[in-house]
Amino acid sequence: MTEKTATTSKDWKVFDPQELLAKVAGSEAKIHEFLRVPALSVAIYRLPKGSKDMQAPHLEDEVYYVIEGKARLKVGEKTHDIHPGSVLFVRATMAHSFFDIEEDLVVLAFFGSR
């Protein structure tokens, strides 16, 4: 986020989607946290086609919104097909990971406080 393109105050912020996508562009898995306040943090996360998701369980509840891509999500012992528009909830400390990434996967990840 740059000051010239972000609209911000102490009470609110507006983010440019193209700028956020640029932060995670490339051929490697990347995550970019762009908001952190006491009750919430938000990141954009990109996993290229065929890559491996190496995340560990989080201490916060998490919601994912799939912007682009096609993959599967394993939560505990269950698997779910995901695609653009999917909204996913994973409870804190629950083991989960994306796999079978058929198309570059880009998600917004919202972390709540506990």
PDB file of N, CA and C in Angstrom:
ATOM      1  N   MET A   1       0.842  -1.172   0.000  1.00  0.00           N
ATOM      2  CA  MET A   1       0.000   0.000   0.000  1.00  0.00           C
ATOM      3  C   MET A   1       0.884   1.231   0.000  1.00  0.00           C
ATOM      4  N   THR A   2       0.617   2.153  -0.894  1.00  0.00           N
ATOM      5  CA  THR A   2       1.341   3.408  -0.904  1.00  0.00           C
ATOM      6  C   THR A   2       0.385   4.529  -0.577  1.00  0.00           C
ATOM      7  N   GLU A   3       0.894   5.565   0.040  1.00  0.00           N
ATOM      8  CA  GLU A   3       0.042   6.679   0.443  1.00  0.00           C
ATOM      9  C   GLU A   3      -0.597   7.374  -0.757  1.00  0.00           C
ATOM     10  N   LYS A   4       0.089   7.377  -1.905  1.00  0.00           N
ATOM     11  CA  LYS A   4      -0.471   8.088  -3.047  1.00  0.00           C
ATOM     12  C   LYS A   4      -1.710   7.402  -3.614  1.00  0.00           C
ATOM     13  N   THR A   5      -1.847   6.089  -3.441  1.00  0.00           N
ATOM     14  CA  THR A   5      -2.991   5.397  -4.034  1.00  0.00           C
ATOM     15  C   THR A   5      -3.979   4.872  -3.004  1.00  0.00           C
ATOM     16  N   ALA A   6      -3.628   4.852  -1.756  1.00  0.00           N
ATOM     17  CA  ALA A   6      -4.557   4.382  -0.727  1.00  0.00           C
ATOM     18  C   ALA A   6      -5.280   5.578  -0.120  1.00  0.00           C
ATOM     19  N   THR A   7      -6.538   5.401   0.159  1.00  0.00           N
ATOM     20  CA  THR A   7      -7.298   6.410   0.867  1.00  0.00           C
ATOM     21  C   THR A   7      -7.386   5.932   2.310  1.00  0.00           C
ATOM     22  N   THR A   8      -7.009   6.802   3.231  1.00  0.00           N
ATOM     23  CA  THR A   8      -6.921   6.341   4.602  1.00  0.00           C
ATOM     24  C   THR A   8      -7.176   7.467   5.603  1.00  0.00           C
ATOM     25  N   SER A   9      -7.600   7.082   6.754  1.00  0.00           N
ATOM     26  CA  SER A   9      -7.688   7.966   7.912  1.00  0.00           C
ATOM     27  C   SER A   9      -7.449   7.069   9.116  1.00  0.00           C
ATOM     28  N   LYS A  10      -7.516   7.635  10.315  1.00  0.00           N
ATOM     29  CA  LYS A  10      -7.329   6.769  11.479  1.00  0.00           C
ATOM     30  C   LYS A  10      -8.520   5.844  11.683  1.00  0.00           C
ATOM     31  N   ASP A  11      -9.682   6.149  11.076  1.00  0.00           N
ATOM     32  CA  ASP A  11     -10.892   5.369  11.282  1.00  0.00           C
ATOM     33  C   ASP A  11     -11.270   4.457  10.119  1.00  0.00           C
ATOM     34  N   TRP A  12     -10.691   4.633   8.946  1.00  0.00           N
ATOM     35  CA  TRP A  12     -11.057   3.811   7.789  1.00  0.00           C
ATOM     36  C   TRP A  12      -9.941   3.825   6.759  1.00  0.00           C
ATOM     37  N   LYS A  13      -9.981   2.837   5.869  1.00  0.00           N
ATOM     38  CA  LYS A  13      -9.001   2.725   4.785  1.00  0.00           C
ATOM     39  C   LYS A  13      -9.703   2.149   3.565  1.00  0.00           C
ATOM     40  N   VAL A  14      -9.245   2.536   2.400  1.00  0.00           N
ATOM     41  CA  VAL A  14      -9.725   1.979   1.149  1.00  0.00           C
ATOM     42  C   VAL A  14      -8.502   1.437   0.420  1.00  0.00           C
ATOM     43  N   PHE A  15      -8.585   0.181  -0.054  1.00  0.00           N
ATOM     44  CA  PHE A  15      -7.457  -0.466  -0.712  1.00  0.00           C
ATOM     45  C   PHE A  15      -7.764  -0.685  -2.186  1.00  0.00           C
ATOM     46  N   ASP A  16      -6.747  -0.553  -3.005  1.00  0.00           N
ATOM     47  CA  ASP A  16      -6.871  -0.767  -4.441  1.00  0.00           C
ATOM     48  C   ASP A  16      -6.617  -2.243  -4.735  1.00  0.00           C
ATOM     49  N   PRO A  17      -7.605  -2.962  -5.287  1.00  0.00           N
ATOM     50  CA  PRO A  17      -7.426  -4.399  -5.546  1.00  0.00           C
ATOM     51  C   PRO A  17      -6.231  -4.710  -6.443  1.00  0.00           C
ATOM     52  N   GLN A  18      -5.979  -3.876  -7.444  1.00  0.00           N
ATOM     53  CA  GLN A  18      -4.851  -4.131  -8.344  1.00  0.00           C
ATOM     54  C   GLN A  18      -3.510  -4.004  -7.619  1.00  0.00           C
ATOM     55  N   GLU A  19      -3.430  -3.048  -6.695  1.00  0.00           N
ATOM     56  CA  GLU A  19      -2.213  -2.919  -5.888  1.00  0.00           C
ATOM     57  C   GLU A  19      -2.005  -4.141  -5.001  1.00  0.00           C
ATOM     58  N   LEU A  20      -3.081  -4.632  -4.411  1.00  0.00           N
ATOM     59  CA  LEU A  20      -2.974  -5.812  -3.557  1.00  0.00           C
ATOM     60  C   LEU A  20      -2.525  -7.021  -4.369  1.00  0.00           C
ATOM     61  N   LEU A  21      -3.121  -7.224  -5.536  1.00  0.00           N
ATOM     62  CA  LEU A  21      -2.717  -8.343  -6.403  1.00  0.00           C
ATOM     63  C   LEU A  21      -1.250  -8.227  -6.803  1.00  0.00           C
ATOM     64  N   ALA A  22      -0.783  -7.013  -7.058  1.00  0.00           N
ATOM     65  CA  ALA A  22       0.621  -6.805  -7.432  1.00  0.00           C
ATOM     66  C   ALA A  22       1.568  -7.212  -6.308  1.00  0.00           C
ATOM     67  N   LYS A  23       1.136  -7.070  -5.056  1.00  0.00           N
ATOM     68  CA  LYS A  23       1.980  -7.426  -3.902  1.00  0.00           C
ATOM     69  C   LYS A  23       2.269  -8.930  -3.837  1.00  0.00           C
ATOM     70  N   VAL A  24       1.398  -9.747  -4.435  1.00  0.00           N
ATOM     71  CA  VAL A  24       1.588 -11.198  -4.377  1.00  0.00           C
ATOM     72  C   VAL A  24       1.841 -11.809  -5.760  1.00  0.00           C
ATOM     73  N   ALA A  25       2.102 -10.974  -6.743  1.00  0.00           N
ATOM     74  CA  ALA A  25       2.360 -11.472  -8.100  1.00  0.00           C
ATOM     75  C   ALA A  25       3.679 -12.241  -8.134  1.00  0.00           C
ATOM     76  N   GLY A  26       3.806 -13.115  -9.117  1.00  0.00           N
ATOM     77  CA  GLY A  26       5.043 -13.864  -9.304  1.00  0.00           C
ATOM     78  C   GLY A  26       4.810 -15.353  -9.309  1.00  0.00           C
ATOM     79  N   SER A  27       5.893 -16.091  -9.295  1.00  0.00           N
ATOM     80  CA  SER A  27       5.809 -17.548  -9.414  1.00  0.00           C
ATOM     81  C   SER A  27       5.972 -18.279  -8.084  1.00  0.00           C
ATOM     82  N   GLU A  28       6.067 -17.542  -6.984  1.00  0.00           N
ATOM     83  CA  GLU A  28       6.215 -18.155  -5.664  1.00  0.00           C
ATOM     84  C   GLU A  28       4.983 -17.885  -4.802  1.00  0.00           C
ATOM     85  N   ALA A  29       4.749 -18.750  -3.834  1.00  0.00           N
ATOM     86  CA  ALA A  29       3.665 -18.518  -2.871  1.00  0.00           C
ATOM     87  C   ALA A  29       4.003 -17.264  -2.070  1.00  0.00           C
ATOM     88  N   LYS A  30       3.013 -16.390  -1.901  1.00  0.00           N
ATOM     89  CA  LYS A  30       3.241 -15.146  -1.160  1.00  0.00           C
ATOM     90  C   LYS A  30       1.999 -14.781  -0.367  1.00  0.00           C
ATOM     91  N   ILE A  31       2.248 -14.132   0.775  1.00  0.00           N
ATOM     92  CA  ILE A  31       1.162 -13.567   1.572  1.00  0.00           C
ATOM     93  C   ILE A  31       1.545 -12.135   1.914  1.00  0.00           C
ATOM     94  N   HIS A  32       0.567 -11.251   1.869  1.00  0.00           N
ATOM     95  CA  HIS A  32       0.795  -9.843   2.184  1.00  0.00           C
ATOM     96  C   HIS A  32      -0.332  -9.375   3.105  1.00  0.00           C
ATOM     97  N   GLU A  33       0.013  -9.134   4.355  1.00  0.00           N
ATOM     98  CA  GLU A  33      -0.971  -8.587   5.293  1.00  0.00           C
ATOM     99  C   GLU A  33      -1.063  -7.091   5.027  1.00  0.00           C
ATOM    100  N   PHE A  34      -2.288  -6.613   4.770  1.00  0.00           N
ATOM    101  CA  PHE A  34      -2.442  -5.200   4.463  1.00  0.00           C
ATOM    102  C   PHE A  34      -3.292  -4.444   5.472  1.00  0.00           C
ATOM    103  N   LEU A  35      -3.822  -5.154   6.452  1.00  0.00           N
ATOM    104  CA  LEU A  35      -4.578  -4.485   7.507  1.00  0.00           C
ATOM    105  C   LEU A  35      -4.413  -5.251   8.807  1.00  0.00           C
ATOM    106  N   ARG A  36      -4.118  -4.501   9.870  1.00  0.00           N
ATOM    107  CA  ARG A  36      -4.080  -5.088  11.215  1.00  0.00           C
ATOM    108  C   ARG A  36      -4.599  -4.042  12.189  1.00  0.00           C
ATOM    109  N   VAL A  37      -5.680  -4.402  12.857  1.00  0.00           N
ATOM    110  CA  VAL A  37      -6.257  -3.584  13.928  1.00  0.00           C
ATOM    111  C   VAL A  37      -6.494  -4.542  15.101  1.00  0.00           C
ATOM    112  N   PRO A  38      -6.830  -4.045  16.281  1.00  0.00           N
ATOM    113  CA  PRO A  38      -6.932  -4.949  17.428  1.00  0.00           C
ATOM    114  C   PRO A  38      -7.849  -6.164  17.233  1.00  0.00           C
ATOM    115  N   ALA A  39      -8.954  -6.033  16.527  1.00  0.00           N
ATOM    116  CA  ALA A  39      -9.903  -7.141  16.422  1.00  0.00           C
ATOM    117  C   ALA A  39      -9.836  -7.911  15.106  1.00  0.00           C
ATOM    118  N   LEU A  40      -8.942  -7.504  14.185  1.00  0.00           N
ATOM    119  CA  LEU A  40      -8.978  -8.086  12.845  1.00  0.00           C
ATOM    120  C   LEU A  40      -7.660  -7.874  12.120  1.00  0.00           C
ATOM    121  N   SER A  41      -7.278  -8.861  11.322  1.00  0.00           N
ATOM    122  CA  SER A  41      -6.215  -8.637  10.345  1.00  0.00           C
ATOM    123  C   SER A  41      -6.677  -9.248   9.028  1.00  0.00           C
ATOM    124  N   VAL A  42      -6.197  -8.667   7.916  1.00  0.00           N
ATOM    125  CA  VAL A  42      -6.592  -9.115   6.590  1.00  0.00           C
ATOM    126  C   VAL A  42      -5.344  -9.210   5.723  1.00  0.00           C
ATOM    127  N   ALA A  43      -5.271 -10.301   4.953  1.00  0.00           N
ATOM    128  CA  ALA A  43      -4.126 -10.519   4.074  1.00  0.00           C
ATOM    129  C   ALA A  43      -4.621 -11.029   2.729  1.00  0.00           C
ATOM    130  N   ILE A  44      -3.792 -10.823   1.709  1.00  0.00           N
ATOM    131  CA  ILE A  44      -4.024 -11.441   0.416  1.00  0.00           C
ATOM    132  C   ILE A  44      -2.968 -12.537   0.287  1.00  0.00           C
ATOM    133  N   TYR A  45      -3.392 -13.704  -0.160  1.00  0.00           N
ATOM    134  CA  TYR A  45      -2.550 -14.906  -0.176  1.00  0.00           C
ATOM    135  C   TYR A  45      -2.622 -15.514  -1.568  1.00  0.00           C
ATOM    136  N   ARG A  46      -1.459 -15.793  -2.143  1.00  0.00           N
ATOM    137  CA  ARG A  46      -1.404 -16.369  -3.486  1.00  0.00           C
ATOM    138  C   ARG A  46      -0.592 -17.651  -3.467  1.00  0.00           C
ATOM    139  N   LEU A  47      -1.174 -18.704  -4.049  1.00  0.00           N
ATOM    140  CA  LEU A  47      -0.498 -19.980  -4.228  1.00  0.00           C
ATOM    141  C   LEU A  47      -0.527 -20.311  -5.720  1.00  0.00           C
ATOM    142  N   PRO A  48       0.646 -20.369  -6.374  1.00  0.00           N
ATOM    143  CA  PRO A  48       0.674 -20.694  -7.800  1.00  0.00           C
ATOM    144  C   PRO A  48       0.201 -22.125  -8.075  1.00  0.00           C
ATOM    145  N   LYS A  49      -0.252 -22.343  -9.281  1.00  0.00           N
ATOM    146  CA  LYS A  49      -0.676 -23.671  -9.730  1.00  0.00           C
ATOM    147  C   LYS A  49       0.398 -24.696  -9.375  1.00  0.00           C
ATOM    148  N   GLY A  50      -0.032 -25.804  -8.780  1.00  0.00           N
ATOM    149  CA  GLY A  50       0.882 -26.894  -8.447  1.00  0.00           C
ATOM    150  C   GLY A  50       1.694 -26.692  -7.185  1.00  0.00           C
ATOM    151  N   SER A  51       1.589 -25.550  -6.542  1.00  0.00           N
ATOM    152  CA  SER A  51       2.394 -25.309  -5.338  1.00  0.00           C
ATOM    153  C   SER A  51       1.794 -26.024  -4.134  1.00  0.00           C
ATOM    154  N   LYS A  52       2.543 -25.992  -3.039  1.00  0.00           N
ATOM    155  CA  LYS A  52       2.115 -26.644  -1.809  1.00  0.00           C
ATOM    156  C   LYS A  52       1.876 -25.582  -0.741  1.00  0.00           C
ATOM    157  N   ASP A  53       0.736 -25.655  -0.093  1.00  0.00           N
ATOM    158  CA  ASP A  53       0.376 -24.751   0.994  1.00  0.00           C
ATOM    159  C   ASP A  53       1.042 -25.254   2.264  1.00  0.00           C
ATOM    160  N   MET A  54       1.893 -24.447   2.860  1.00  0.00           N
ATOM    161  CA  MET A  54       2.671 -24.879   4.020  1.00  0.00           C
ATOM    162  C   MET A  54       2.170 -24.265   5.330  1.00  0.00           C
ATOM    163  N   GLN A  55       0.969 -23.691   5.337  1.00  0.00           N
ATOM    164  CA  GLN A  55       0.516 -23.030   6.557  1.00  0.00           C
ATOM    165  C   GLN A  55       0.200 -24.028   7.669  1.00  0.00           C
ATOM    166  N   ALA A  56       0.292 -23.534   8.870  1.00  0.00           N
ATOM    167  CA  ALA A  56      -0.038 -24.310  10.073  1.00  0.00           C
ATOM    168  C   ALA A  56      -1.327 -23.744  10.658  1.00  0.00           C
ATOM    169  N   PRO A  57      -1.973 -24.473  11.571  1.00  0.00           N
ATOM    170  CA  PRO A  57      -3.186 -23.940  12.201  1.00  0.00           C
ATOM    171  C   PRO A  57      -2.910 -22.573  12.849  1.00  0.00           C
ATOM    172  N   HIS A  58      -3.922 -21.719  12.801  1.00  0.00           N
ATOM    173  CA  HIS A  58      -3.807 -20.367  13.344  1.00  0.00           C
ATOM    174  C   HIS A  58      -4.468 -20.297  14.722  1.00  0.00           C
ATOM    175  N   LEU A  59      -4.097 -19.307  15.472  1.00  0.00           N
ATOM    176  CA  LEU A  59      -4.704 -19.094  16.782  1.00  0.00           C
ATOM    177  C   LEU A  59      -5.981 -18.276  16.688  1.00  0.00           C
ATOM    178  N   GLU A  60      -6.316 -17.794  15.491  1.00  0.00           N
ATOM    179  CA  GLU A  60      -7.513 -16.989  15.281  1.00  0.00           C
ATOM    180  C   GLU A  60      -8.475 -17.717  14.349  1.00  0.00           C
ATOM    181  N   ASP A  61      -9.774 -17.453  14.500  1.00  0.00           N
ATOM    182  CA  ASP A  61     -10.747 -17.895  13.509  1.00  0.00           C
ATOM    183  C   ASP A  61     -10.392 -17.198  12.197  1.00  0.00           C
ATOM    184  N   GLU A  62     -10.721 -17.864  11.085  1.00  0.00           N
ATOM    185  CA  GLU A  62     -10.318 -17.328   9.788  1.00  0.00           C
ATOM    186  C   GLU A  62     -11.428 -17.517   8.760  1.00  0.00           C
ATOM    187  N   VAL A  63     -11.608 -16.505   7.933  1.00  0.00           N
ATOM    188  CA  VAL A  63     -12.513 -16.582   6.791  1.00  0.00           C
ATOM    189  C   VAL A  63     -11.688 -16.305   5.546  1.00  0.00           C
ATOM    190  N   TYR A  64     -11.845 -17.159   4.538  1.00  0.00           N
ATOM    191  CA  TYR A  64     -11.205 -16.949   3.242  1.00  0.00           C
ATOM    192  C   TYR A  64     -12.277 -16.568   2.225  1.00  0.00           C
ATOM    193  N   TYR A  65     -11.932 -15.652   1.343  1.00  0.00           N
ATOM    194  CA  TYR A  65     -12.752 -15.351   0.172  1.00  0.00           C
ATOM    195  C   TYR A  65     -11.876 -15.607  -1.044  1.00  0.00           C
ATOM    196  N   VAL A  66     -12.306 -16.520  -1.921  1.00  0.00           N
ATOM    197  CA  VAL A  66     -11.505 -16.888  -3.089  1.00  0.00           C
ATOM    198  C   VAL A  66     -11.739 -15.865  -4.200  1.00  0.00           C
ATOM    199  N   ILE A  67     -10.681 -15.158  -4.567  1.00  0.00           N
ATOM    200  CA  ILE A  67     -10.742 -14.161  -5.640  1.00  0.00           C
ATOM    201  C   ILE A  67     -10.591 -14.841  -6.995  1.00  0.00           C
ATOM    202  N   GLU A  68      -9.587 -15.706  -7.097  1.00  0.00           N
ATOM    203  CA  GLU A  68      -9.362 -16.426  -8.352  1.00  0.00           C
ATOM    204  C   GLU A  68      -8.702 -17.757  -8.068  1.00  0.00           C
ATOM    205  N   GLY A  69      -8.833 -18.661  -9.027  1.00  0.00           N
ATOM    206  CA  GLY A  69      -8.176 -19.953  -8.924  1.00  0.00           C
ATOM    207  C   GLY A  69      -9.132 -21.094  -8.640  1.00  0.00           C
ATOM    208  N   LYS A  70      -8.553 -22.279  -8.678  1.00  0.00           N
ATOM    209  CA  LYS A  70      -9.312 -23.505  -8.458  1.00  0.00           C
ATOM    210  C   LYS A  70      -8.414 -24.467  -7.698  1.00  0.00           C
ATOM    211  N   ALA A  71      -8.928 -25.001  -6.598  1.00  0.00           N
ATOM    212  CA  ALA A  71      -8.132 -25.893  -5.748  1.00  0.00           C
ATOM    213  C   ALA A  71      -9.085 -26.667  -4.852  1.00  0.00           C
ATOM    214  N   ARG A  72      -8.496 -27.340  -3.889  1.00  0.00           N
ATOM    215  CA  ARG A  72      -9.276 -28.024  -2.858  1.00  0.00           C
ATOM    216  C   ARG A  72      -8.733 -27.551  -1.522  1.00  0.00           C
ATOM    217  N   LEU A  73      -9.594 -27.586  -0.528  1.00  0.00           N
ATOM    218  CA  LEU A  73      -9.222 -27.226   0.838  1.00  0.00           C
ATOM    219  C   LEU A  73      -9.482 -28.432   1.721  1.00  0.00           C
ATOM    220  N   LYS A  74      -8.476 -28.794   2.484  1.00  0.00           N
ATOM    221  CA  LYS A  74      -8.646 -29.868   3.462  1.00  0.00           C
ATOM    222  C   LYS A  74      -8.748 -29.218   4.832  1.00  0.00           C
ATOM    223  N   VAL A  75      -9.822 -29.540   5.547  1.00  0.00           N
ATOM    224  CA  VAL A  75     -10.025 -29.066   6.913  1.00  0.00           C
ATOM    225  C   VAL A  75     -10.257 -30.310   7.753  1.00  0.00           C
ATOM    226  N   GLY A  76      -9.315 -30.576   8.658  1.00  0.00           N
ATOM    227  CA  GLY A  76      -9.391 -31.831   9.411  1.00  0.00           C
ATOM    228  C   GLY A  76      -9.285 -32.979   8.430  1.00  0.00           C
ATOM    229  N   GLU A  77     -10.278 -33.849   8.397  1.00  0.00           N
ATOM    230  CA  GLU A  77     -10.283 -34.990   7.475  1.00  0.00           C
ATOM    231  C   GLU A  77     -11.205 -34.779   6.273  1.00  0.00           C
ATOM    232  N   LYS A  78     -11.829 -33.621   6.169  1.00  0.00           N
ATOM    233  CA  LYS A  78     -12.770 -33.357   5.075  1.00  0.00           C
ATOM    234  C   LYS A  78     -12.118 -32.492   4.003  1.00  0.00           C
ATOM    235  N   THR A  79     -12.520 -32.695   2.751  1.00  0.00           N
ATOM    236  CA  THR A  79     -12.018 -31.892   1.644  1.00  0.00           C
ATOM    237  C   THR A  79     -13.175 -31.178   0.954  1.00  0.00           C
ATOM    238  N   HIS A  80     -12.850 -30.016   0.394  1.00  0.00           N
ATOM    239  CA  HIS A  80     -13.851 -29.174  -0.242  1.00  0.00           C
ATOM    240  C   HIS A  80     -13.273 -28.599  -1.524  1.00  0.00           C
ATOM    241  N   ASP A  81     -14.030 -28.645  -2.627  1.00  0.00           N
ATOM    242  CA  ASP A  81     -13.635 -27.982  -3.862  1.00  0.00           C
ATOM    243  C   ASP A  81     -13.891 -26.493  -3.695  1.00  0.00           C
ATOM    244  N   ILE A  82     -12.930 -25.674  -4.139  1.00  0.00           N
ATOM    245  CA  ILE A  82     -13.110 -24.231  -4.046  1.00  0.00           C
ATOM    246  C   ILE A  82     -12.844 -23.584  -5.398  1.00  0.00           C
ATOM    247  N   HIS A  83     -13.447 -22.419  -5.592  1.00  0.00           N
ATOM    248  CA  HIS A  83     -13.368 -21.702  -6.867  1.00  0.00           C
ATOM    249  C   HIS A  83     -13.669 -20.233  -6.587  1.00  0.00           C
ATOM    250  N   PRO A  84     -13.505 -19.344  -7.574  1.00  0.00           N
ATOM    251  CA  PRO A  84     -13.791 -17.932  -7.329  1.00  0.00           C
ATOM    252  C   PRO A  84     -15.185 -17.734  -6.740  1.00  0.00           C
ATOM    253  N   GLY A  85     -15.245 -16.932  -5.703  1.00  0.00           N
ATOM    254  CA  GLY A  85     -16.508 -16.665  -5.030  1.00  0.00           C
ATOM    255  C   GLY A  85     -16.748 -17.523  -3.802  1.00  0.00           C
ATOM    256  N   SER A  86     -15.976 -18.599  -3.648  1.00  0.00           N
ATOM    257  CA  SER A  86     -16.142 -19.441  -2.453  1.00  0.00           C
ATOM    258  C   SER A  86     -15.784 -18.634  -1.206  1.00  0.00           C
ATOM    259  N   VAL A  87     -16.565 -18.832  -0.161  1.00  0.00           N
ATOM    260  CA  VAL A  87     -16.294 -18.235   1.145  1.00  0.00           C
ATOM    261  C   VAL A  87     -16.120 -19.393   2.118  1.00  0.00           C
ATOM    262  N   LEU A  88     -15.002 -19.404   2.828  1.00  0.00           N
ATOM    263  CA  LEU A  88     -14.633 -20.535   3.670  1.00  0.00           C
ATOM    264  C   LEU A  88     -14.372 -20.058   5.097  1.00  0.00           C
ATOM    265  N   PHE A  89     -14.849 -20.803   6.065  1.00  0.00           N
ATOM    266  CA  PHE A  89     -14.577 -20.501   7.468  1.00  0.00           C
ATOM    267  C   PHE A  89     -13.785 -21.648   8.069  1.00  0.00           C
ATOM    268  N   VAL A  90     -12.733 -21.312   8.815  1.00  0.00           N
ATOM    269  CA  VAL A  90     -11.945 -22.316   9.527  1.00  0.00           C
ATOM    270  C   VAL A  90     -11.766 -21.824  10.963  1.00  0.00           C
ATOM    271  N   ARG A  91     -12.198 -22.657  11.896  1.00  0.00           N
ATOM    272  CA  ARG A  91     -12.095 -22.301  13.313  1.00  0.00           C
ATOM    273  C   ARG A  91     -10.626 -22.301  13.757  1.00  0.00           C
ATOM    274  N   ALA A  92     -10.326 -21.464  14.716  1.00  0.00           N
ATOM    275  CA  ALA A  92      -8.973 -21.369  15.275  1.00  0.00           C
ATOM    276  C   ALA A  92      -8.454 -22.747  15.670  1.00  0.00           C
ATOM    277  N   THR A  93      -7.196 -22.968  15.453  1.00  0.00           N
ATOM    278  CA  THR A  93      -6.412 -24.169  15.772  1.00  0.00           C
ATOM    279  C   THR A  93      -6.776 -25.396  14.923  1.00  0.00           C
ATOM    280  N   MET A  94      -7.695 -25.261  13.972  1.00  0.00           N
ATOM    281  CA  MET A  94      -8.081 -26.391  13.108  1.00  0.00           C
ATOM    282  C   MET A  94      -7.045 -26.547  11.995  1.00  0.00           C
ATOM    283  N   ALA A  95      -6.505 -27.745  11.830  1.00  0.00           N
ATOM    284  CA  ALA A  95      -5.555 -28.004  10.744  1.00  0.00           C
ATOM    285  C   ALA A  95      -6.271 -27.849   9.407  1.00  0.00           C
ATOM    286  N   HIS A  96      -5.652 -27.115   8.479  1.00  0.00           N
ATOM    287  CA  HIS A  96      -6.229 -26.917   7.157  1.00  0.00           C
ATOM    288  C   HIS A  96      -5.145 -26.546   6.157  1.00  0.00           C
ATOM    289  N   SER A  97      -5.392 -26.859   4.899  1.00  0.00           N
ATOM    290  CA  SER A  97      -4.448 -26.478   3.843  1.00  0.00           C
ATOM    291  C   SER A  97      -5.123 -26.594   2.485  1.00  0.00           C
ATOM    292  N   PHE A  98      -4.637 -25.783   1.547  1.00  0.00           N
ATOM    293  CA  PHE A  98      -5.075 -25.866   0.158  1.00  0.00           C
ATOM    294  C   PHE A  98      -4.202 -26.895  -0.549  1.00  0.00           C
ATOM    295  N   PHE A  99      -4.795 -27.651  -1.468  1.00  0.00           N
ATOM    296  CA  PHE A  99      -4.026 -28.633  -2.238  1.00  0.00           C
ATOM    297  C   PHE A  99      -4.689 -28.819  -3.592  1.00  0.00           C
ATOM    298  N   ASP A 100      -4.098 -29.657  -4.449  1.00  0.00           N
ATOM    299  CA  ASP A 100      -4.593 -29.837  -5.819  1.00  0.00           C
ATOM    300  C   ASP A 100      -4.890 -28.480  -6.454  1.00  0.00           C
ATOM    301  N   ILE A 101      -3.920 -27.598  -6.397  1.00  0.00           N
ATOM    302  CA  ILE A 101      -4.105 -26.244  -6.923  1.00  0.00           C
ATOM    303  C   ILE A 101      -3.995 -26.318  -8.452  1.00  0.00           C
ATOM    304  N   GLU A 102      -5.164 -26.299  -9.102  1.00  0.00           N
ATOM    305  CA  GLU A 102      -5.250 -26.466 -10.555  1.00  0.00           C
ATOM    306  C   GLU A 102      -4.998 -25.174 -11.307  1.00  0.00           C
ATOM    307  N   GLU A 103      -5.346 -24.047 -10.700  1.00  0.00           N
ATOM    308  CA  GLU A 103      -5.146 -22.717 -11.265  1.00  0.00           C
ATOM    309  C   GLU A 103      -4.595 -21.839 -10.152  1.00  0.00           C
ATOM    310  N   ASP A 104      -3.742 -20.872 -10.500  1.00  0.00           N
ATOM    311  CA  ASP A 104      -3.203 -19.977  -9.478  1.00  0.00           C
ATOM    312  C   ASP A 104      -4.328 -19.541  -8.545  1.00  0.00           C
ATOM    313  N   LEU A 105      -4.106 -19.699  -7.250  1.00  0.00           N
ATOM    314  CA  LEU A 105      -5.118 -19.429  -6.242  1.00  0.00           C
ATOM    315  C   LEU A 105      -4.796 -18.119  -5.533  1.00  0.00           C
ATOM    316  N   VAL A 106      -5.777 -17.219  -5.476  1.00  0.00           N
ATOM    317  CA  VAL A 106      -5.633 -15.957  -4.748  1.00  0.00           C
ATOM    318  C   VAL A 106      -6.833 -15.819  -3.822  1.00  0.00           C
ATOM    319  N   VAL A 107      -6.552 -15.653  -2.538  1.00  0.00           N
ATOM    320  CA  VAL A 107      -7.634 -15.523  -1.548  1.00  0.00           C
ATOM    321  C   VAL A 107      -7.384 -14.316  -0.661  1.00  0.00           C
ATOM    322  N   LEU A 108      -8.477 -13.750  -0.179  1.00  0.00           N
ATOM    323  CA  LEU A 108      -8.397 -12.787   0.927  1.00  0.00           C
ATOM    324  C   LEU A 108      -8.587 -13.613   2.186  1.00  0.00           C
ATOM    325  N   ALA A 109      -7.742 -13.391   3.170  1.00  0.00           N
ATOM    326  CA  ALA A 109      -7.824 -14.112   4.442  1.00  0.00           C
ATOM    327  C   ALA A 109      -8.098 -13.101   5.546  1.00  0.00           C
ATOM    328  N   PHE A 110      -9.217 -13.309   6.244  1.00  0.00           N
ATOM    329  CA  PHE A 110      -9.641 -12.438   7.336  1.00  0.00           C
ATOM    330  C   PHE A 110      -9.431 -13.192   8.649  1.00  0.00           C
ATOM    331  N   PHE A 111      -8.621 -12.641   9.539  1.00  0.00           N
ATOM    332  CA  PHE A 111      -8.348 -13.267  10.825  1.00  0.00           C
ATOM    333  C   PHE A 111      -9.015 -12.456  11.924  1.00  0.00           C
ATOM    334  N   GLY A 112      -9.848 -13.104  12.729  1.00  0.00           N
ATOM    335  CA  GLY A 112     -10.503 -12.443  13.850  1.00  0.00           C
ATOM    336  C   GLY A 112      -9.696 -12.623  15.123  1.00  0.00           C
ATOM    337  N   SER A 113      -9.905 -11.744  16.080  1.00  0.00           N
ATOM    338  CA  SER A 113      -9.201 -11.896  17.357  1.00  0.00           C
ATOM    339  C   SER A 113      -9.943 -12.896  18.229  1.00  0.00           C
ATOM    340  N   ARG A 114      -9.264 -13.450  19.192  1.00  0.00           N
ATOM    341  CA  ARG A 114      -9.861 -14.433  20.116  1.00  0.00           C
ATOM    342  C   ARG A 114     -10.003 -13.796  21.471  1.00  0.00           C
TER     343      ARG A 114
END
